[in-house]
Amino acid sequence: MQTGSAGGSLKYGFHDSVIAFTLVDGNGDVRTFAADDPDTDFFYACGVAAGLCGIITDIRLKLTKTFGVRGTQQTYPLTPLGDS
């Protein structure tokens, strides 16, 4: 969560569902930040600061409709290099 690398595609990612979180900062204070706060700078910074703003202890997520993923998968036998 705190590295900002929890994506899945260019369009959808885990962080899109986060609406608030609670963290314990370096002073030991418990602080809560939300996407609908008047000043969202700290909310967005803490989500990707790799723990520099504190340790996240609670995350509030918004529920979204599920979506189906379509595609195909093909596998091929592995052959050593040089073999035909």
PDB file of N, CA and C in Angstrom:
ATOM      1  N   MET A   1       0.818  -1.195   0.000  1.00  0.00           N
ATOM      2  CA  MET A   1       0.000   0.000   0.000  1.00  0.00           C
ATOM      3  C   MET A   1       0.859   1.254   0.000  1.00  0.00           C
ATOM      4  N   GLN A   2       1.874   1.305   0.857  1.00  0.00           N
ATOM      5  CA  GLN A   2       2.598   2.548   1.035  1.00  0.00           C
ATOM      6  C   GLN A   2       3.676   2.798  -0.015  1.00  0.00           C
ATOM      7  N   THR A   3       3.842   1.917  -0.960  1.00  0.00           N
ATOM      8  CA  THR A   3       4.825   2.170  -2.012  1.00  0.00           C
ATOM      9  C   THR A   3       4.178   2.750  -3.255  1.00  0.00           C
ATOM     10  N   GLY A   4       2.857   2.759  -3.314  1.00  0.00           N
ATOM     11  CA  GLY A   4       2.170   3.290  -4.488  1.00  0.00           C
ATOM     12  C   GLY A   4       2.292   2.394  -5.704  1.00  0.00           C
ATOM     13  N   SER A   5       2.637   1.132  -5.484  1.00  0.00           N
ATOM     14  CA  SER A   5       2.871   0.241  -6.613  1.00  0.00           C
ATOM     15  C   SER A   5       1.836  -0.865  -6.724  1.00  0.00           C
ATOM     16  N   ALA A   6       0.684  -0.681  -6.150  1.00  0.00           N
ATOM     17  CA  ALA A   6      -0.336  -1.728  -6.156  1.00  0.00           C
ATOM     18  C   ALA A   6      -1.286  -1.531  -7.320  1.00  0.00           C
ATOM     19  N   GLY A   7      -0.771  -1.552  -8.511  1.00  0.00           N
ATOM     20  CA  GLY A   7      -1.600  -1.374  -9.693  1.00  0.00           C
ATOM     21  C   GLY A   7      -1.989  -2.709 -10.290  1.00  0.00           C
ATOM     22  N   GLY A   8      -2.670  -2.682 -11.348  1.00  0.00           N
ATOM     23  CA  GLY A   8      -3.053  -3.887 -12.052  1.00  0.00           C
ATOM     24  C   GLY A   8      -3.074  -3.608 -13.533  1.00  0.00           C
ATOM     25  N   SER A   9      -3.321  -2.369 -13.859  1.00  0.00           N
ATOM     26  CA  SER A   9      -3.341  -1.950 -15.246  1.00  0.00           C
ATOM     27  C   SER A   9      -3.214  -0.430 -15.262  1.00  0.00           C
ATOM     28  N   LEU A  10      -3.192   0.135 -16.429  1.00  0.00           N
ATOM     29  CA  LEU A  10      -3.126   1.585 -16.526  1.00  0.00           C
ATOM     30  C   LEU A  10      -4.453   2.237 -16.158  1.00  0.00           C
ATOM     31  N   LYS A  11      -5.533   1.460 -16.228  1.00  0.00           N
ATOM     32  CA  LYS A  11      -6.856   2.006 -15.972  1.00  0.00           C
ATOM     33  C   LYS A  11      -7.364   1.729 -14.560  1.00  0.00           C
ATOM     34  N   TYR A  12      -7.052   0.555 -14.005  1.00  0.00           N
ATOM     35  CA  TYR A  12      -7.573   0.161 -12.704  1.00  0.00           C
ATOM     36  C   TYR A  12      -6.423  -0.121 -11.747  1.00  0.00           C
ATOM     37  N   GLY A  13      -6.587   0.285 -10.494  1.00  0.00           N
ATOM     38  CA  GLY A  13      -5.579   0.004  -9.491  1.00  0.00           C
ATOM     39  C   GLY A  13      -6.191  -0.003  -8.103  1.00  0.00           C
ATOM     40  N   PHE A  14      -5.504  -0.626  -7.178  1.00  0.00           N
ATOM     41  CA  PHE A  14      -5.966  -0.728  -5.797  1.00  0.00           C
ATOM     42  C   PHE A  14      -6.169   0.646  -5.169  1.00  0.00           C
ATOM     43  N   HIS A  15      -5.267   1.570  -5.433  1.00  0.00           N
ATOM     44  CA  HIS A  15      -5.333   2.886  -4.806  1.00  0.00           C
ATOM     45  C   HIS A  15      -6.592   3.675  -5.192  1.00  0.00           C
ATOM     46  N   ASP A  16      -7.218   3.326  -6.300  1.00  0.00           N
ATOM     47  CA  ASP A  16      -8.455   4.004  -6.699  1.00  0.00           C
ATOM     48  C   ASP A  16      -9.590   3.746  -5.708  1.00  0.00           C
ATOM     49  N   SER A  17      -9.500   2.663  -4.951  1.00  0.00           N
ATOM     50  CA  SER A  17     -10.550   2.295  -4.009  1.00  0.00           C
ATOM     51  C   SER A  17     -10.349   2.876  -2.620  1.00  0.00           C
ATOM     52  N   VAL A  18      -9.170   3.426  -2.337  1.00  0.00           N
ATOM     53  CA  VAL A  18      -8.874   3.959  -1.003  1.00  0.00           C
ATOM     54  C   VAL A  18      -9.548   5.320  -0.835  1.00  0.00           C
ATOM     55  N   ILE A  19     -10.375   5.450   0.198  1.00  0.00           N
ATOM     56  CA  ILE A  19     -11.025   6.736   0.459  1.00  0.00           C
ATOM     57  C   ILE A  19     -10.549   7.364   1.762  1.00  0.00           C
ATOM     58  N   ALA A  20      -9.926   6.589   2.638  1.00  0.00           N
ATOM     59  CA  ALA A  20      -9.388   7.139   3.886  1.00  0.00           C
ATOM     60  C   ALA A  20      -8.445   6.124   4.516  1.00  0.00           C
ATOM     61  N   PHE A  21      -7.559   6.622   5.334  1.00  0.00           N
ATOM     62  CA  PHE A  21      -6.709   5.731   6.107  1.00  0.00           C
ATOM     63  C   PHE A  21      -6.281   6.408   7.394  1.00  0.00           C
ATOM     64  N   THR A  22      -5.903   5.568   8.344  1.00  0.00           N
ATOM     65  CA  THR A  22      -5.413   6.031   9.632  1.00  0.00           C
ATOM     66  C   THR A  22      -3.974   5.589   9.752  1.00  0.00           C
ATOM     67  N   LEU A  23      -3.142   6.462  10.293  1.00  0.00           N
ATOM     68  CA  LEU A  23      -1.744   6.105  10.474  1.00  0.00           C
ATOM     69  C   LEU A  23      -1.250   6.573  11.834  1.00  0.00           C
ATOM     70  N   VAL A  24      -0.130   6.007  12.257  1.00  0.00           N
ATOM     71  CA  VAL A  24       0.571   6.454  13.447  1.00  0.00           C
ATOM     72  C   VAL A  24       1.810   7.168  12.949  1.00  0.00           C
ATOM     73  N   ASP A  25       1.939   8.470  13.270  1.00  0.00           N
ATOM     74  CA  ASP A  25       3.068   9.241  12.761  1.00  0.00           C
ATOM     75  C   ASP A  25       4.307   9.052  13.638  1.00  0.00           C
ATOM     76  N   GLY A  26       5.385   9.731  13.300  1.00  0.00           N
ATOM     77  CA  GLY A  26       6.653   9.573  14.009  1.00  0.00           C
ATOM     78  C   GLY A  26       6.623  10.018  15.455  1.00  0.00           C
ATOM     79  N   ASN A  27       5.641  10.813  15.819  1.00  0.00           N
ATOM     80  CA  ASN A  27       5.485  11.248  17.207  1.00  0.00           C
ATOM     81  C   ASN A  27       4.584  10.317  18.005  1.00  0.00           C
ATOM     82  N   GLY A  28       4.047   9.289  17.344  1.00  0.00           N
ATOM     83  CA  GLY A  28       3.133   8.367  18.009  1.00  0.00           C
ATOM     84  C   GLY A  28       1.692   8.819  17.993  1.00  0.00           C
ATOM     85  N   ASP A  29       1.406   9.895  17.271  1.00  0.00           N
ATOM     86  CA  ASP A  29       0.024  10.396  17.180  1.00  0.00           C
ATOM     87  C   ASP A  29      -0.743   9.618  16.113  1.00  0.00           C
ATOM     88  N   VAL A  30      -1.990   9.285  16.418  1.00  0.00           N
ATOM     89  CA  VAL A  30      -2.868   8.607  15.467  1.00  0.00           C
ATOM     90  C   VAL A  30      -3.583   9.678  14.664  1.00  0.00           C
ATOM     91  N   ARG A  31      -3.456   9.605  13.341  1.00  0.00           N
ATOM     92  CA  ARG A  31      -4.050  10.620  12.468  1.00  0.00           C
ATOM     93  C   ARG A  31      -4.845   9.928  11.360  1.00  0.00           C
ATOM     94  N   THR A  32      -5.961  10.536  10.970  1.00  0.00           N
ATOM     95  CA  THR A  32      -6.792   9.996   9.896  1.00  0.00           C
ATOM     96  C   THR A  32      -6.873  11.017   8.771  1.00  0.00           C
ATOM     97  N   PHE A  33      -6.731  10.530   7.545  1.00  0.00           N
ATOM     98  CA  PHE A  33      -6.798  11.372   6.358  1.00  0.00           C
ATOM     99  C   PHE A  33      -7.776  10.753   5.381  1.00  0.00           C
ATOM    100  N   ALA A  34      -8.542  11.600   4.689  1.00  0.00           N
ATOM    101  CA  ALA A  34      -9.555  11.110   3.758  1.00  0.00           C
ATOM    102  C   ALA A  34      -9.471  11.863   2.436  1.00  0.00           C
ATOM    103  N   ALA A  35      -9.951  11.212   1.397  1.00  0.00           N
ATOM    104  CA  ALA A  35      -9.936  11.807   0.062  1.00  0.00           C
ATOM    105  C   ALA A  35     -10.867  13.009  -0.025  1.00  0.00           C
ATOM    106  N   ASP A  36     -11.836  13.118   0.871  1.00  0.00           N
ATOM    107  CA  ASP A  36     -12.753  14.257   0.834  1.00  0.00           C
ATOM    108  C   ASP A  36     -12.393  15.338   1.858  1.00  0.00           C
ATOM    109  N   ASP A  37     -11.193  15.290   2.441  1.00  0.00           N
ATOM    110  CA  ASP A  37     -10.727  16.359   3.325  1.00  0.00           C
ATOM    111  C   ASP A  37     -10.573  17.647   2.521  1.00  0.00           C
ATOM    112  N   PRO A  38     -10.707  18.812   3.168  1.00  0.00           N
ATOM    113  CA  PRO A  38     -10.512  20.082   2.449  1.00  0.00           C
ATOM    114  C   PRO A  38      -9.117  20.196   1.823  1.00  0.00           C
ATOM    115  N   ASP A  39      -8.095  19.704   2.514  1.00  0.00           N
ATOM    116  CA  ASP A  39      -6.728  19.704   1.983  1.00  0.00           C
ATOM    117  C   ASP A  39      -6.290  18.252   1.835  1.00  0.00           C
ATOM    118  N   THR A  40      -6.199  17.774   0.610  1.00  0.00           N
ATOM    119  CA  THR A  40      -5.900  16.360   0.370  1.00  0.00           C
ATOM    120  C   THR A  40      -4.419  16.088   0.133  1.00  0.00           C
ATOM    121  N   ASP A  41      -3.565  17.090   0.227  1.00  0.00           N
ATOM    122  CA  ASP A  41      -2.137  16.874  -0.049  1.00  0.00           C
ATOM    123  C   ASP A  41      -1.542  15.771   0.809  1.00  0.00           C
ATOM    124  N   PHE A  42      -1.822  15.793   2.113  1.00  0.00           N
ATOM    125  CA  PHE A  42      -1.241  14.796   2.997  1.00  0.00           C
ATOM    126  C   PHE A  42      -1.838  13.415   2.732  1.00  0.00           C
ATOM    127  N   PHE A  43      -3.125  13.357   2.393  1.00  0.00           N
ATOM    128  CA  PHE A  43      -3.760  12.075   2.062  1.00  0.00           C
ATOM    129  C   PHE A  43      -3.026  11.410   0.899  1.00  0.00           C
ATOM    130  N   TYR A  44      -2.803  12.146  -0.176  1.00  0.00           N
ATOM    131  CA  TYR A  44      -2.154  11.555  -1.348  1.00  0.00           C
ATOM    132  C   TYR A  44      -0.667  11.303  -1.117  1.00  0.00           C
ATOM    133  N   ALA A  45      -0.012  12.156  -0.348  1.00  0.00           N
ATOM    134  CA  ALA A  45       1.414  11.965  -0.076  1.00  0.00           C
ATOM    135  C   ALA A  45       1.655  10.728   0.779  1.00  0.00           C
ATOM    136  N   CYS A  46       0.856  10.536   1.799  1.00  0.00           N
ATOM    137  CA  CYS A  46       1.067   9.401   2.705  1.00  0.00           C
ATOM    138  C   CYS A  46       0.833   8.057   2.029  1.00  0.00           C
ATOM    139  N   GLY A  47      -0.029   8.040   1.051  1.00  0.00           N
ATOM    140  CA  GLY A  47      -0.333   6.781   0.377  1.00  0.00           C
ATOM    141  C   GLY A  47       0.825   6.218  -0.424  1.00  0.00           C
ATOM    142  N   VAL A  48       1.796   7.049  -0.745  1.00  0.00           N
ATOM    143  CA  VAL A  48       2.923   6.576  -1.574  1.00  0.00           C
ATOM    144  C   VAL A  48       4.287   6.912  -0.965  1.00  0.00           C
ATOM    145  N   ALA A  49       4.325   7.318   0.287  1.00  0.00           N
ATOM    146  CA  ALA A  49       5.560   7.795   0.897  1.00  0.00           C
ATOM    147  C   ALA A  49       6.421   6.691   1.509  1.00  0.00           C
ATOM    148  N   ALA A  50       6.089   5.440   1.262  1.00  0.00           N
ATOM    149  CA  ALA A  50       6.869   4.300   1.750  1.00  0.00           C
ATOM    150  C   ALA A  50       7.089   4.364   3.262  1.00  0.00           C
ATOM    151  N   GLY A  51       6.110   4.855   3.994  1.00  0.00           N
ATOM    152  CA  GLY A  51       6.196   4.888   5.450  1.00  0.00           C
ATOM    153  C   GLY A  51       6.842   6.130   6.029  1.00  0.00           C
ATOM    154  N   LEU A  52       7.276   7.074   5.204  1.00  0.00           N
ATOM    155  CA  LEU A  52       7.940   8.268   5.719  1.00  0.00           C
ATOM    156  C   LEU A  52       7.007   9.170   6.521  1.00  0.00           C
ATOM    157  N   CYS A  53       5.704   9.112   6.266  1.00  0.00           N
ATOM    158  CA  CYS A  53       4.740   9.936   6.996  1.00  0.00           C
ATOM    159  C   CYS A  53       4.189   9.211   8.214  1.00  0.00           C
ATOM    160  N   GLY A  54       4.447   7.929   8.318  1.00  0.00           N
ATOM    161  CA  GLY A  54       3.941   7.126   9.420  1.00  0.00           C
ATOM    162  C   GLY A  54       3.576   5.734   8.934  1.00  0.00           C
ATOM    163  N   ILE A  55       3.081   4.938   9.834  1.00  0.00           N
ATOM    164  CA  ILE A  55       2.695   3.564   9.517  1.00  0.00           C
ATOM    165  C   ILE A  55       1.178   3.495   9.434  1.00  0.00           C
ATOM    166  N   ILE A  56       0.677   3.088   8.281  1.00  0.00           N
ATOM    167  CA  ILE A  56      -0.769   2.973   8.084  1.00  0.00           C
ATOM    168  C   ILE A  56      -1.284   1.781   8.878  1.00  0.00           C
ATOM    169  N   THR A  57      -2.316   2.038   9.684  1.00  0.00           N
ATOM    170  CA  THR A  57      -2.885   0.985  10.527  1.00  0.00           C
ATOM    171  C   THR A  57      -4.294   0.593  10.121  1.00  0.00           C
ATOM    172  N   ASP A  58      -4.952   1.433   9.315  1.00  0.00           N
ATOM    173  CA  ASP A  58      -6.333   1.162   8.930  1.00  0.00           C
ATOM    174  C   ASP A  58      -6.589   1.818   7.573  1.00  0.00           C
ATOM    175  N   ILE A  59      -7.295   1.111   6.707  1.00  0.00           N
ATOM    176  CA  ILE A  59      -7.620   1.636   5.386  1.00  0.00           C
ATOM    177  C   ILE A  59      -9.124   1.493   5.175  1.00  0.00           C
ATOM    178  N   ARG A  60      -9.771   2.554   4.711  1.00  0.00           N
ATOM    179  CA  ARG A  60     -11.194   2.514   4.360  1.00  0.00           C
ATOM    180  C   ARG A  60     -11.287   2.481   2.839  1.00  0.00           C
ATOM    181  N   LEU A  61     -12.026   1.508   2.323  1.00  0.00           N
ATOM    182  CA  LEU A  61     -12.151   1.318   0.875  1.00  0.00           C
ATOM    183  C   LEU A  61     -13.583   1.555   0.433  1.00  0.00           C
ATOM    184  N   LYS A  62     -13.760   2.082  -0.770  1.00  0.00           N
ATOM    185  CA  LYS A  62     -15.093   2.188  -1.342  1.00  0.00           C
ATOM    186  C   LYS A  62     -15.366   0.909  -2.132  1.00  0.00           C
ATOM    187  N   LEU A  63     -16.582   0.476  -2.088  1.00  0.00           N
ATOM    188  CA  LEU A  63     -16.967  -0.725  -2.825  1.00  0.00           C
ATOM    189  C   LEU A  63     -17.246  -0.361  -4.272  1.00  0.00           C
ATOM    190  N   THR A  64     -16.792  -1.175  -5.164  1.00  0.00           N
ATOM    191  CA  THR A  64     -17.039  -0.959  -6.584  1.00  0.00           C
ATOM    192  C   THR A  64     -17.617  -2.223  -7.187  1.00  0.00           C
ATOM    193  N   LYS A  65     -18.289  -2.044  -8.298  1.00  0.00           N
ATOM    194  CA  LYS A  65     -18.812  -3.207  -9.005  1.00  0.00           C
ATOM    195  C   LYS A  65     -17.635  -4.026  -9.542  1.00  0.00           C
ATOM    196  N   THR A  66     -17.816  -5.309  -9.549  1.00  0.00           N
ATOM    197  CA  THR A  66     -16.780  -6.151 -10.131  1.00  0.00           C
ATOM    198  C   THR A  66     -16.874  -6.083 -11.645  1.00  0.00           C
ATOM    199  N   PHE A  67     -15.810  -6.405 -12.287  1.00  0.00           N
ATOM    200  CA  PHE A  67     -15.808  -6.416 -13.735  1.00  0.00           C
ATOM    201  C   PHE A  67     -15.080  -7.670 -14.203  1.00  0.00           C
ATOM    202  N   GLY A  68     -15.557  -8.206 -15.305  1.00  0.00           N
ATOM    203  CA  GLY A  68     -14.957  -9.409 -15.854  1.00  0.00           C
ATOM    204  C   GLY A  68     -13.773  -9.070 -16.746  1.00  0.00           C
ATOM    205  N   VAL A  69     -12.792  -9.918 -16.703  1.00  0.00           N
ATOM    206  CA  VAL A  69     -11.620  -9.748 -17.555  1.00  0.00           C
ATOM    207  C   VAL A  69     -11.655 -10.855 -18.592  1.00  0.00           C
ATOM    208  N   ARG A  70     -11.586 -10.465 -19.848  1.00  0.00           N
ATOM    209  CA  ARG A  70     -11.580 -11.449 -20.923  1.00  0.00           C
ATOM    210  C   ARG A  70     -10.187 -11.535 -21.514  1.00  0.00           C
ATOM    211  N   GLY A  71      -9.882 -12.700 -22.008  1.00  0.00           N
ATOM    212  CA  GLY A  71      -8.591 -12.866 -22.659  1.00  0.00           C
ATOM    213  C   GLY A  71      -8.335 -14.330 -22.951  1.00  0.00           C
ATOM    214  N   THR A  72      -7.226 -14.571 -23.540  1.00  0.00           N
ATOM    215  CA  THR A  72      -6.818 -15.941 -23.827  1.00  0.00           C
ATOM    216  C   THR A  72      -5.404 -16.139 -23.307  1.00  0.00           C
ATOM    217  N   GLN A  73      -5.095 -17.376 -23.041  1.00  0.00           N
ATOM    218  CA  GLN A  73      -3.764 -17.715 -22.577  1.00  0.00           C
ATOM    219  C   GLN A  73      -3.274 -18.898 -23.381  1.00  0.00           C
ATOM    220  N   GLN A  74      -2.068 -18.797 -23.841  1.00  0.00           N
ATOM    221  CA  GLN A  74      -1.466 -19.904 -24.570  1.00  0.00           C
ATOM    222  C   GLN A  74      -0.180 -20.299 -23.875  1.00  0.00           C
ATOM    223  N   THR A  75       0.059 -21.590 -23.821  1.00  0.00           N
ATOM    224  CA  THR A  75       1.314 -22.075 -23.254  1.00  0.00           C
ATOM    225  C   THR A  75       2.007 -22.926 -24.294  1.00  0.00           C
ATOM    226  N   TYR A  76       3.304 -22.939 -24.215  1.00  0.00           N
ATOM    227  CA  TYR A  76       4.120 -23.718 -25.131  1.00  0.00           C
ATOM    228  C   TYR A  76       5.129 -24.515 -24.320  1.00  0.00           C
ATOM    229  N   PRO A  77       5.490 -25.714 -24.791  1.00  0.00           N
ATOM    230  CA  PRO A  77       6.495 -26.480 -24.058  1.00  0.00           C
ATOM    231  C   PRO A  77       7.851 -25.769 -24.122  1.00  0.00           C
ATOM    232  N   LEU A  78       8.583 -25.843 -23.044  1.00  0.00           N
ATOM    233  CA  LEU A  78       9.883 -25.228 -22.974  1.00  0.00           C
ATOM    234  C   LEU A  78      10.923 -26.168 -23.570  1.00  0.00           C
ATOM    235  N   THR A  79      11.658 -25.693 -24.536  1.00  0.00           N
ATOM    236  CA  THR A  79      12.726 -26.499 -25.127  1.00  0.00           C
ATOM    237  C   THR A  79      14.049 -25.775 -24.916  1.00  0.00           C
ATOM    238  N   PRO A  80      15.096 -26.523 -24.600  1.00  0.00           N
ATOM    239  CA  PRO A  80      16.406 -25.882 -24.389  1.00  0.00           C
ATOM    240  C   PRO A  80      16.875 -25.168 -25.656  1.00  0.00           C
ATOM    241  N   LEU A  81      17.670 -24.121 -25.488  1.00  0.00           N
ATOM    242  CA  LEU A  81      18.213 -23.392 -26.616  1.00  0.00           C
ATOM    243  C   LEU A  81      19.013 -24.317 -27.519  1.00  0.00           C
ATOM    244  N   GLY A  82      18.870 -24.174 -28.803  1.00  0.00           N
ATOM    245  CA  GLY A  82      19.614 -24.979 -29.763  1.00  0.00           C
ATOM    246  C   GLY A  82      18.878 -26.238 -30.177  1.00  0.00           C
ATOM    247  N   ASP A  83      17.872 -26.661 -29.430  1.00  0.00           N
ATOM    248  CA  ASP A  83      17.096 -27.838 -29.832  1.00  0.00           C
ATOM    249  C   ASP A  83      16.004 -27.416 -30.788  1.00  0.00           C
ATOM    250  N   SER A  84      15.663 -28.270 -31.713  1.00  0.00           N
ATOM    251  CA  SER A  84      14.604 -27.969 -32.675  1.00  0.00           C
ATOM    252  C   SER A  84      13.326 -28.626 -32.274  1.00  0.00           C
TER     253      SER A  84
END
